Amino acid sequence: MSRFLPLLCLLLCVSGAQVPVTQAPAPAAQPITALPAEPGLSAGLQRVLRGLPPGVRVGVLVQDLQTGKVLQTKLPDTPFIPASANKLIVAAAVLAGRGGADGWWSTELTVPAARVGQASVKAVTLRGSGDPTLSVSDGPYSLRLLAKQAYARGLRVVGQVRLDDARLVWATWKDAPIELPMTALRLADWHDSPPLSAETAHQRLGAALIAELRRAGITVKSEEVGEAAPFKPYLPPVLTDERGEPLPPDLVVPVSQRPEQGIASVRSASPAEFLAATLLPSDNLNAEELLGMLALRPAANGTLSGGLARERAFLGRIGVDLSGVVLADGSGLSRENRQTPRSLVQLLHAMYELPYPLSGTPAEGSGFPDVVYRKRQNAFVEALPQGGTGENVPAHDGRGGTLARRFLGAGLDVRAKTGTLPGVSSLAGYITAKSGHTLAFALMMNGPPESPILTLRALLDETVEVLAAEH
């Protein structure tokens, strides 16, 4: 495990700000030593890639995760448009930020501290983690359960419902390809019919909460949906003794000056489930919602650029070479995104070496990452589509998705993220080679918009099959 310790230190937390990286100049007296040559491509891969259509460039990097050896490369440090392979970034950053598969999101109802325990309150405020998995009435993570809890705590009359949704600057997403506003409070029920403006989202969510409070037996007097009351930190008055000398401040905060306190709270399921619902079908809205969660104040500044800065800081912390990397959105719809084969493989390597296990995984033992991988307990890997299943299995079963009909009959264990835009086809993930070793690979093809995508996809699949056979 000693070789995993540097990565362990890097993955312990995700910063809310981008950390600039500087390089110290090499001492002038030292001779410059040539870097070892990249291995290049095997004859087998060269043969496959001779079938590339005109004008299409390809980037390749393959690494054996058991030995750490880089096996095959072609343009490994060239920036390519990744398309939906970009979703790997936001998924990994969210999983790390939530503390792994054992993490969760939360939503609560709060009232002024002075009104806790009272049957009638002027206002009740909905506050949340910014996740998109809260539902109106389905299951334990719902507005319905919050309302039932509030009633059980003795709440009977509410003057107004308020929402704490000002922690995200929705307008910073207005020019993003997703063309939908990201808001700090969202409902899973909106997925197939998302609100087209932040104002609509505010009203729809407030109306849903009002209806659930009334359903639970709580009277809500106003139909108007308000905004969370601003909170100003309490500054205790300056105290002096009889000689005018300053005294320590009183540590007791008057109840009227305290933050609002919760009267009901619910917790989400593991984020691994939502990550699988994002990566398996390559859901663009889910990916942008995850990026919006990363952008929330106070961890970030509430903007699209703030969420992207948190992603970039995460990549830097796990040792990804950010040269040429450009982050423009969470979904990969933007053609401004750039990843290199090296940056993607370094991310895949980090998420393999220090896995966030699903339940039931042994917490110690030699070969821990490999054990977790083989037992299908690596939360990040199990959120990826798996090739050749011929079926699309929901949740984090690691099967189906966008690879369900690819690699049919090949007998290969391929778990990888696809990426497709006009002229762009990518595939990045893991494969078990003939040797039994797990390989991390990134294959990226960029060409003219009219490039035949089915041809590119077929070449990617054949490349993966050759990789498995050669190693």
Protein backbone atom coordinates (compact mmCIF):
# COMPACT_ATOMS: atom_id res chain seq x y z
CA MET A 1 0.00 0.00 0.00
CA SER A 2 2.95 2.37 0.34
CA ARG A 3 2.80 3.36 -3.32
CA PHE A 4 -0.84 4.45 -2.84
CA LEU A 5 -0.12 6.90 0.02
CA PRO A 6 0.66 9.98 -2.12
CA LEU A 7 -2.63 9.59 -3.95
CA LEU A 8 -4.41 8.98 -0.64
CA CYS A 9 -3.25 12.34 0.67
CA LEU A 10 -4.36 14.04 -2.54
CA LEU A 11 -7.85 12.52 -2.50
CA LEU A 12 -8.75 13.34 1.09
CA CYS A 13 -10.47 16.61 0.21
CA VAL A 14 -11.60 18.70 -2.72
CA SER A 15 -10.77 22.40 -2.58
CA GLY A 16 -13.32 25.04 -3.46
CA ALA A 17 -10.77 27.16 -5.32
CA GLN A 18 -8.39 26.58 -8.17
CA VAL A 19 -4.80 26.22 -7.07
CA PRO A 20 -2.24 27.55 -9.52
CA VAL A 21 0.59 25.19 -10.29
CA THR A 22 4.06 26.57 -10.81
CA GLN A 23 7.17 24.75 -11.94
CA ALA A 24 10.55 25.48 -10.50
CA PRO A 25 13.22 26.00 -13.20
CA ALA A 26 15.85 23.29 -13.49
CA PRO A 27 19.23 24.28 -12.03
CA ALA A 28 21.46 25.62 -14.81
CA ALA A 29 24.38 23.41 -13.83
CA GLN A 30 22.42 20.19 -14.26
CA PRO A 31 22.70 18.41 -17.61
CA ILE A 32 19.38 17.99 -19.40
CA THR A 33 18.46 14.30 -19.46
CA ALA A 34 16.28 13.15 -22.33
CA LEU A 35 12.88 11.77 -21.34
CA PRO A 36 12.31 8.11 -22.16
CA ALA A 37 10.65 7.61 -25.50
CA GLU A 38 6.94 6.85 -25.54
CA PRO A 39 6.25 3.24 -26.54
CA GLY A 40 4.20 4.23 -29.59
CA LEU A 41 1.67 1.84 -31.12
CA SER A 42 1.94 -1.88 -31.72
CA ALA A 43 1.72 -3.25 -35.23
CA GLY A 44 -1.77 -4.50 -34.42
CA LEU A 45 -3.08 -1.09 -33.48
CA GLN A 46 -1.33 0.55 -36.42
CA ARG A 47 -3.13 -1.87 -38.70
CA VAL A 48 -6.52 -1.02 -37.19
CA LEU A 49 -5.99 2.73 -37.31
CA ARG A 50 -4.99 2.66 -40.97
CA GLY A 51 -8.74 2.54 -41.54
CA LEU A 52 -9.26 6.07 -40.21
CA PRO A 53 -11.24 8.33 -42.56
CA PRO A 54 -9.36 11.29 -44.07
CA GLY A 55 -8.68 14.21 -41.74
CA VAL A 56 -9.30 12.28 -38.51
CA ARG A 57 -6.65 12.47 -35.78
CA VAL A 58 -6.43 9.86 -33.06
CA GLY A 59 -4.95 10.02 -29.57
CA VAL A 60 -4.16 6.85 -27.63
CA LEU A 61 -2.81 6.08 -24.18
CA VAL A 62 -3.00 2.68 -22.49
CA GLN A 63 -1.60 1.83 -19.05
CA ASP A 64 -1.35 -1.45 -17.19
CA LEU A 65 -2.78 -0.68 -13.74
CA GLN A 66 -1.09 -3.69 -12.11
CA THR A 67 2.44 -2.74 -13.19
CA GLY A 68 1.99 0.98 -13.85
CA LYS A 69 3.65 0.54 -17.26
CA VAL A 70 2.44 2.65 -20.17
CA LEU A 71 1.85 0.18 -23.00
CA GLN A 72 0.73 2.14 -26.06
CA THR A 73 0.67 5.82 -27.01
CA LYS A 74 -0.12 8.10 -29.90
CA LEU A 75 -0.40 11.87 -29.37
CA PRO A 76 -0.91 11.30 -25.62
CA ASP A 77 -0.48 14.98 -24.74
CA THR A 78 -2.48 16.47 -27.61
CA PRO A 79 -5.75 18.15 -26.55
CA PHE A 80 -8.84 16.59 -28.13
CA ILE A 81 -12.55 17.39 -27.89
CA PRO A 82 -13.73 14.65 -25.49
CA ALA A 83 -17.52 14.94 -26.02
CA SER A 84 -19.35 12.99 -23.28
CA ALA A 85 -16.13 11.45 -21.96
CA ASN A 86 -15.96 14.81 -20.18
CA LYS A 87 -18.64 13.48 -17.80
CA LEU A 88 -15.91 11.39 -16.15
CA ILE A 89 -14.55 14.59 -14.61
CA VAL A 90 -17.70 15.83 -12.92
CA ALA A 91 -18.61 12.31 -11.74
CA ALA A 92 -15.21 11.78 -10.10
CA ALA A 93 -15.19 15.26 -8.53
CA VAL A 94 -18.67 14.79 -7.04
CA LEU A 95 -17.87 11.32 -5.71
CA ALA A 96 -14.71 12.61 -4.04
CA GLY A 97 -16.50 15.70 -2.72
CA ARG A 98 -19.26 13.64 -1.10
CA GLY A 99 -16.73 11.38 0.62
CA GLY A 100 -17.33 8.40 -1.63
CA ALA A 101 -20.23 6.00 -1.95
CA ASP A 102 -21.04 6.40 1.75
CA GLY A 103 -21.75 10.09 1.24
CA TRP A 104 -25.19 11.58 0.82
CA TRP A 105 -27.04 14.81 0.13
CA SER A 106 -29.50 16.42 2.53
CA THR A 107 -32.47 18.78 2.50
CA GLU A 108 -34.12 20.41 5.50
CA LEU A 109 -36.87 22.74 6.62
CA THR A 110 -35.81 25.53 8.96
CA VAL A 111 -37.60 28.16 11.04
CA PRO A 112 -36.32 31.17 13.03
CA ALA A 113 -34.54 29.93 16.14
CA ALA A 114 -36.99 31.76 18.39
CA ARG A 115 -39.90 29.83 16.84
CA VAL A 116 -38.55 26.29 17.22
CA GLY A 117 -41.15 24.11 18.91
CA GLN A 118 -44.01 26.52 18.29
CA ALA A 119 -47.11 25.54 16.37
CA SER A 120 -47.27 28.72 14.29
CA VAL A 121 -44.36 30.31 12.42
CA LYS A 122 -44.11 33.32 10.13
CA ALA A 123 -42.09 31.39 7.54
CA VAL A 124 -40.51 28.02 6.87
CA THR A 125 -37.46 27.78 4.60
CA LEU A 126 -36.39 24.90 2.37
CA ARG A 127 -32.60 24.46 2.25
CA GLY A 128 -30.58 21.81 0.45
CA SER A 129 -27.26 20.52 -0.85
CA GLY A 130 -28.00 21.46 -4.44
CA ASP A 131 -28.45 17.89 -5.58
CA PRO A 132 -31.06 16.92 -8.17
CA THR A 133 -32.39 13.77 -6.47
CA LEU A 134 -35.02 15.23 -4.11
CA SER A 135 -38.52 14.18 -5.16
CA VAL A 136 -41.97 15.52 -4.37
CA SER A 137 -43.44 12.36 -2.93
CA ASP A 138 -41.37 9.31 -3.88
CA GLY A 139 -39.53 7.54 -1.07
CA PRO A 140 -37.61 8.78 1.95
CA TYR A 141 -35.85 11.68 0.20
CA SER A 142 -38.91 13.78 -0.52
CA LEU A 143 -40.86 16.92 0.28
CA ARG A 144 -43.64 14.67 1.53
CA LEU A 145 -41.49 13.16 4.26
CA LEU A 146 -40.19 16.63 5.24
CA ALA A 147 -43.78 17.84 5.65
CA LYS A 148 -44.71 14.79 7.73
CA GLN A 149 -41.72 15.37 10.01
CA ALA A 150 -42.65 19.03 10.46
CA TYR A 151 -46.18 18.05 11.43
CA ALA A 152 -44.85 15.46 13.89
CA ARG A 153 -42.72 18.20 15.48
CA GLY A 154 -45.88 20.19 16.20
CA LEU A 155 -45.95 22.62 13.29
CA ARG A 156 -49.52 23.56 12.38
CA VAL A 157 -49.53 27.01 10.76
CA VAL A 158 -47.03 28.57 8.31
CA GLY A 159 -47.30 32.14 7.07
CA GLN A 160 -45.10 31.73 3.99
CA VAL A 161 -42.87 29.15 2.30
CA ARG A 162 -39.37 30.38 1.40
CA LEU A 163 -36.58 28.81 -0.67
CA ASP A 164 -32.84 29.10 -0.10
CA ASP A 165 -32.04 29.09 -3.83
CA ALA A 166 -29.80 32.15 -4.12
CA ARG A 167 -26.55 30.18 -3.71
CA LEU A 168 -26.32 29.54 -7.45
CA VAL A 169 -26.11 32.22 -10.12
CA TRP A 170 -28.33 30.49 -12.68
CA ALA A 171 -27.70 33.12 -15.38
CA THR A 172 -24.08 31.97 -15.76
CA TRP A 173 -25.46 28.84 -17.50
CA LYS A 174 -27.58 30.79 -19.99
CA ASP A 175 -24.99 30.48 -22.79
CA ALA A 176 -24.08 26.87 -22.03
CA PRO A 177 -25.09 24.23 -24.63
CA ILE A 178 -27.57 22.64 -22.19
CA GLU A 179 -29.71 25.81 -22.56
CA LEU A 180 -31.45 25.25 -19.22
CA PRO A 181 -31.10 27.23 -15.99
CA MET A 182 -29.29 25.53 -13.15
CA THR A 183 -30.86 26.30 -9.77
CA ALA A 184 -29.69 25.61 -6.24
CA LEU A 185 -32.83 23.62 -5.39
CA ARG A 186 -34.11 21.07 -7.89
CA LEU A 187 -36.50 18.12 -8.04
CA ALA A 188 -35.95 14.71 -9.62
CA ASP A 189 -39.52 14.96 -10.93
CA TRP A 190 -38.40 17.72 -13.31
CA HIS A 191 -36.02 15.57 -15.33
CA ASP A 192 -38.33 14.94 -18.27
CA SER A 193 -39.87 18.42 -18.17
CA PRO A 194 -37.33 20.82 -16.62
CA PRO A 195 -38.34 24.43 -15.93
CA LEU A 196 -37.14 26.82 -18.62
CA SER A 197 -36.34 29.68 -16.24
CA ALA A 198 -35.15 30.11 -12.67
CA GLU A 199 -38.36 31.97 -11.84
CA THR A 200 -40.44 29.01 -13.03
CA ALA A 201 -38.29 26.60 -11.00
CA HIS A 202 -38.75 28.78 -7.90
CA GLN A 203 -42.53 28.84 -8.26
CA ARG A 204 -42.89 25.15 -9.14
CA LEU A 205 -40.80 23.99 -6.19
CA GLY A 206 -42.53 26.38 -3.76
CA ALA A 207 -45.97 25.26 -4.94
CA ALA A 208 -44.98 21.60 -4.53
CA LEU A 209 -43.80 22.22 -0.95
CA ILE A 210 -46.96 24.16 -0.07
CA ALA A 211 -49.09 21.30 -1.38
CA GLU A 212 -47.17 18.72 0.68
CA LEU A 213 -47.34 20.80 3.86
CA ARG A 214 -51.10 21.11 3.44
CA ARG A 215 -51.39 17.41 2.67
CA ALA A 216 -49.65 16.71 5.99
CA GLY A 217 -52.20 18.84 7.85
CA ILE A 218 -50.28 22.13 8.08
CA THR A 219 -52.03 25.37 7.14
CA VAL A 220 -50.05 27.59 4.76
CA LYS A 221 -51.55 31.09 4.62
CA SER A 222 -49.79 32.52 1.56
CA GLU A 223 -49.44 31.19 -1.98
CA GLU A 224 -46.48 33.51 -2.56
CA VAL A 225 -43.09 31.77 -2.54
CA GLY A 226 -40.44 33.90 -0.87
CA GLU A 227 -36.66 33.86 -0.67
CA ALA A 228 -34.64 32.82 2.36
CA ALA A 229 -34.14 35.64 4.83
CA PRO A 230 -30.57 37.00 4.75
CA PHE A 231 -28.44 36.09 7.73
CA LYS A 232 -25.92 38.44 9.28
CA PRO A 233 -23.34 36.98 11.68
CA TYR A 234 -23.91 38.11 15.23
CA LEU A 235 -21.33 40.60 16.57
CA PRO A 236 -21.39 40.60 20.35
CA PRO A 237 -21.33 44.02 22.03
CA VAL A 238 -18.01 45.22 23.40
CA LEU A 239 -17.81 44.70 27.15
CA THR A 240 -15.58 46.66 29.51
CA ASP A 241 -14.90 46.55 33.22
CA GLU A 242 -15.28 49.44 35.65
CA ARG A 243 -11.91 50.80 34.51
CA GLY A 244 -12.86 50.71 30.85
CA GLU A 245 -10.67 47.69 30.09
CA PRO A 246 -12.06 45.26 27.46
CA LEU A 247 -13.62 42.03 28.69
CA PRO A 248 -14.03 38.76 26.76
CA PRO A 249 -17.22 38.76 24.69
CA ASP A 250 -20.30 36.95 25.94
CA LEU A 251 -20.38 33.57 24.21
CA VAL A 252 -24.15 33.29 24.41
CA VAL A 253 -25.81 34.38 21.16
CA PRO A 254 -29.29 35.84 21.69
CA VAL A 255 -31.91 33.52 20.23
CA SER A 256 -33.16 36.28 17.93
CA GLN A 257 -29.68 36.51 16.38
CA ARG A 258 -29.11 32.79 15.81
CA PRO A 259 -29.28 31.12 12.38
CA GLU A 260 -32.52 29.41 11.51
CA GLN A 261 -32.77 25.93 12.96
CA GLY A 262 -34.01 22.73 11.38
CA ILE A 263 -37.33 21.14 12.23
CA ALA A 264 -37.20 18.42 9.55
CA SER A 265 -34.42 16.79 7.55
CA VAL A 266 -34.08 14.04 4.94
CA ARG A 267 -31.07 12.30 3.40
CA SER A 268 -30.51 11.04 -0.11
CA ALA A 269 -29.34 7.64 -1.24
CA SER A 270 -25.67 7.17 -2.10
CA PRO A 271 -24.45 9.52 -4.85
CA ALA A 272 -23.15 6.41 -6.64
CA GLU A 273 -26.71 5.66 -7.76
CA PHE A 274 -27.12 9.07 -9.38
CA LEU A 275 -23.66 8.90 -10.95
CA ALA A 276 -24.67 5.63 -12.62
CA ALA A 277 -27.90 7.27 -13.80
CA THR A 278 -25.69 9.96 -15.34
CA LEU A 279 -22.87 7.93 -16.91
CA LEU A 280 -24.71 4.80 -18.07
CA PRO A 281 -27.09 6.62 -20.44
CA SER A 282 -24.78 9.65 -20.78
CA ASP A 283 -27.43 11.99 -19.39
CA ASN A 284 -26.50 15.59 -20.21
CA LEU A 285 -28.94 17.27 -17.81
CA ASN A 286 -27.79 15.12 -14.89
CA ALA A 287 -24.17 16.04 -15.60
CA GLU A 288 -24.89 19.78 -15.64
CA GLU A 289 -26.90 19.45 -12.42
CA LEU A 290 -23.89 17.78 -10.79
CA LEU A 291 -21.66 20.63 -11.95
CA GLY A 292 -24.20 23.07 -10.52
CA MET A 293 -23.92 21.31 -7.18
CA LEU A 294 -20.13 21.77 -7.26
CA ALA A 295 -20.67 25.47 -8.04
CA LEU A 296 -22.83 26.20 -4.98
CA ARG A 297 -21.77 28.77 -2.46
CA PRO A 298 -19.95 28.68 -0.07
CA ALA A 299 -17.76 25.87 -1.48
CA ALA A 300 -17.56 27.83 -4.76
CA ASN A 301 -18.81 31.22 -5.89
CA GLY A 302 -22.15 30.09 -7.27
CA THR A 303 -21.22 30.40 -10.95
CA LEU A 304 -20.52 28.02 -13.82
CA SER A 305 -16.87 29.09 -13.74
CA GLY A 306 -16.79 28.40 -10.00
CA GLY A 307 -17.95 24.83 -10.54
CA LEU A 308 -15.37 24.33 -13.28
CA ALA A 309 -12.67 25.71 -10.97
CA ARG A 310 -13.58 23.09 -8.36
CA GLU A 311 -13.30 20.37 -11.01
CA ARG A 312 -9.90 21.66 -12.08
CA ALA A 313 -8.68 21.88 -8.48
CA PHE A 314 -9.78 18.27 -7.94
CA LEU A 315 -7.86 17.11 -11.01
CA GLY A 316 -4.76 18.92 -9.79
CA ARG A 317 -5.02 17.30 -6.37
CA ILE A 318 -5.06 13.78 -7.77
CA GLY A 319 -2.04 14.47 -9.95
CA VAL A 320 -3.60 14.94 -13.38
CA ASP A 321 -1.42 16.81 -15.87
CA LEU A 322 -3.60 19.80 -16.78
CA SER A 323 -1.51 20.88 -19.78
CA GLY A 324 -3.93 21.55 -22.61
CA VAL A 325 -6.99 20.67 -20.50
CA VAL A 326 -9.96 23.03 -20.93
CA LEU A 327 -13.18 22.62 -18.94
CA ALA A 328 -16.26 24.34 -20.35
CA ASP A 329 -19.24 22.36 -19.03
CA GLY A 330 -20.21 19.20 -17.19
CA SER A 331 -21.95 17.29 -19.97
CA GLY A 332 -19.34 17.48 -22.75
CA LEU A 333 -21.79 19.12 -25.16
CA SER A 334 -19.48 22.11 -25.56
CA ARG A 335 -16.87 21.84 -28.30
CA GLU A 336 -14.69 24.12 -26.18
CA ASN A 337 -13.83 21.24 -23.82
CA ARG A 338 -10.36 19.72 -24.22
CA GLN A 339 -8.86 16.62 -22.64
CA THR A 340 -5.69 14.74 -23.50
CA PRO A 341 -5.43 10.96 -23.51
CA ARG A 342 -2.94 11.36 -20.65
CA SER A 343 -5.29 13.46 -18.49
CA LEU A 344 -8.10 10.92 -18.86
CA VAL A 345 -5.90 7.92 -18.10
CA GLN A 346 -4.41 9.68 -15.07
CA LEU A 347 -7.94 10.28 -13.78
CA LEU A 348 -8.90 6.66 -14.42
CA HIS A 349 -5.72 5.48 -12.70
CA ALA A 350 -6.41 7.60 -9.60
CA MET A 351 -10.02 6.41 -9.32
CA TYR A 352 -8.82 2.80 -9.61
CA GLU A 353 -5.88 3.04 -7.17
CA LEU A 354 -7.95 4.62 -4.39
CA PRO A 355 -11.47 3.39 -5.01
CA TYR A 356 -14.54 4.59 -3.19
CA PRO A 357 -16.02 1.18 -2.39
CA LEU A 358 -19.64 0.22 -2.53
CA SER A 359 -20.99 -1.73 0.43
CA GLY A 360 -19.54 -5.11 1.34
CA THR A 361 -15.99 -4.48 0.15
CA PRO A 362 -13.05 -5.64 2.30
CA ALA A 363 -11.40 -2.58 3.77
CA GLU A 364 -7.90 -3.96 3.83
CA GLY A 365 -5.66 -6.57 2.31
CA SER A 366 -3.00 -6.78 -0.36
CA GLY A 367 -4.09 -5.81 -3.84
CA PHE A 368 -6.99 -3.82 -2.44
CA PRO A 369 -7.81 -1.82 -5.61
CA ASP A 370 -7.75 -4.95 -7.74
CA VAL A 371 -9.93 -6.82 -5.23
CA VAL A 372 -12.49 -4.02 -5.25
CA TYR A 373 -12.44 -3.87 -9.05
CA ARG A 374 -12.88 -7.62 -9.51
CA LYS A 375 -15.66 -7.77 -6.93
CA ARG A 376 -17.44 -4.96 -8.84
CA GLN A 377 -17.39 -2.75 -5.78
CA ASN A 378 -15.54 0.33 -7.09
CA ALA A 379 -18.30 2.97 -7.05
CA PHE A 380 -16.77 5.03 -9.86
CA VAL A 381 -16.11 2.06 -12.15
CA GLU A 382 -19.54 0.56 -11.51
CA ALA A 383 -21.18 3.79 -12.67
CA LEU A 384 -19.68 3.25 -16.13
CA PRO A 385 -21.41 1.47 -19.01
CA GLN A 386 -20.29 -2.11 -19.63
CA GLY A 387 -19.87 -3.47 -23.12
CA GLY A 388 -21.52 -6.48 -24.65
CA THR A 389 -24.39 -6.99 -22.20
CA GLY A 390 -27.09 -6.61 -24.83
CA GLU A 391 -29.26 -5.02 -22.15
CA ASN A 392 -29.54 -1.77 -20.25
CA VAL A 393 -29.64 -2.40 -16.50
CA PRO A 394 -30.43 0.63 -14.32
CA ALA A 395 -28.78 1.78 -11.08
CA HIS A 396 -25.14 1.00 -10.30
CA ASP A 397 -25.04 -2.56 -11.62
CA GLY A 398 -22.30 -1.54 -14.04
CA ARG A 399 -24.03 -2.98 -17.08
CA GLY A 400 -25.64 -1.67 -20.20
CA GLY A 401 -25.92 2.00 -20.95
CA THR A 402 -24.28 3.36 -24.08
CA LEU A 403 -22.06 0.25 -24.44
CA ALA A 404 -24.82 -2.34 -24.10
CA ARG A 405 -24.88 -3.21 -27.82
CA ARG A 406 -21.16 -2.84 -28.42
CA PHE A 407 -18.64 -5.70 -28.02
CA LEU A 408 -21.47 -8.23 -28.31
CA GLY A 409 -20.04 -11.75 -28.33
CA ALA A 410 -16.47 -10.53 -27.78
CA GLY A 411 -16.25 -12.02 -24.30
CA LEU A 412 -14.55 -8.89 -22.97
CA ASP A 413 -14.94 -7.04 -19.68
CA VAL A 414 -15.05 -3.43 -20.92
CA ARG A 415 -16.26 -0.65 -18.61
CA ALA A 416 -15.89 2.73 -20.23
CA LYS A 417 -17.42 6.11 -21.02
CA THR A 418 -18.37 6.93 -24.56
CA GLY A 419 -18.30 10.35 -26.20
CA THR A 420 -19.92 11.42 -29.46
CA LEU A 421 -20.33 14.72 -31.30
CA PRO A 422 -20.20 15.47 -35.04
CA GLY A 423 -16.67 14.47 -36.04
CA VAL A 424 -15.84 13.33 -32.49
CA SER A 425 -15.76 9.81 -31.05
CA SER A 426 -14.12 8.91 -27.74
CA LEU A 427 -13.91 5.92 -25.45
CA ALA A 428 -12.15 5.97 -22.07
CA GLY A 429 -12.24 3.43 -19.29
CA TYR A 430 -11.03 -0.01 -18.27
CA ILE A 431 -10.59 -3.42 -19.88
CA THR A 432 -9.39 -6.75 -18.53
CA ALA A 433 -6.61 -7.93 -20.85
CA LYS A 434 -5.67 -11.49 -21.81
CA SER A 435 -3.05 -11.43 -19.03
CA GLY A 436 -5.75 -10.81 -16.43
CA HIS A 437 -4.39 -7.32 -15.80
CA THR A 438 -6.68 -4.30 -15.78
CA LEU A 439 -5.78 -1.69 -18.38
CA ALA A 440 -6.85 1.96 -18.28
CA PHE A 441 -7.23 3.42 -21.75
CA ALA A 442 -8.23 6.63 -23.49
CA LEU A 443 -8.98 6.60 -27.21
CA MET A 444 -9.90 9.95 -28.77
CA MET A 445 -10.79 10.68 -32.40
CA ASN A 446 -11.39 14.18 -33.79
CA GLY A 447 -12.06 14.95 -37.44
CA PRO A 448 -14.27 16.96 -39.78
CA PRO A 449 -17.94 17.19 -38.72
CA GLU A 450 -18.93 15.00 -41.65
CA SER A 451 -16.66 12.13 -40.50
CA PRO A 452 -18.67 8.87 -40.41
CA ILE A 453 -19.32 8.30 -36.70
CA LEU A 454 -20.21 4.63 -37.12
CA THR A 455 -16.85 4.04 -38.79
CA LEU A 456 -15.02 5.82 -35.97
CA ARG A 457 -16.95 3.85 -33.38
CA ALA A 458 -16.17 0.55 -35.09
CA LEU A 459 -12.46 1.42 -35.15
CA LEU A 460 -12.54 2.28 -31.44
CA ASP A 461 -14.13 -1.06 -30.64
CA GLU A 462 -11.64 -2.97 -32.76
CA THR A 463 -8.80 -1.09 -31.06
CA VAL A 464 -10.06 -2.19 -27.63
CA GLU A 465 -10.32 -5.80 -28.78
CA VAL A 466 -6.72 -5.72 -30.07
CA LEU A 467 -5.54 -4.19 -26.80
CA ALA A 468 -7.12 -7.01 -24.81
CA ALA A 469 -5.60 -9.66 -27.10
CA GLU A 470 -2.09 -8.15 -27.16
CA HIS A 471 -1.70 -7.64 -23.43
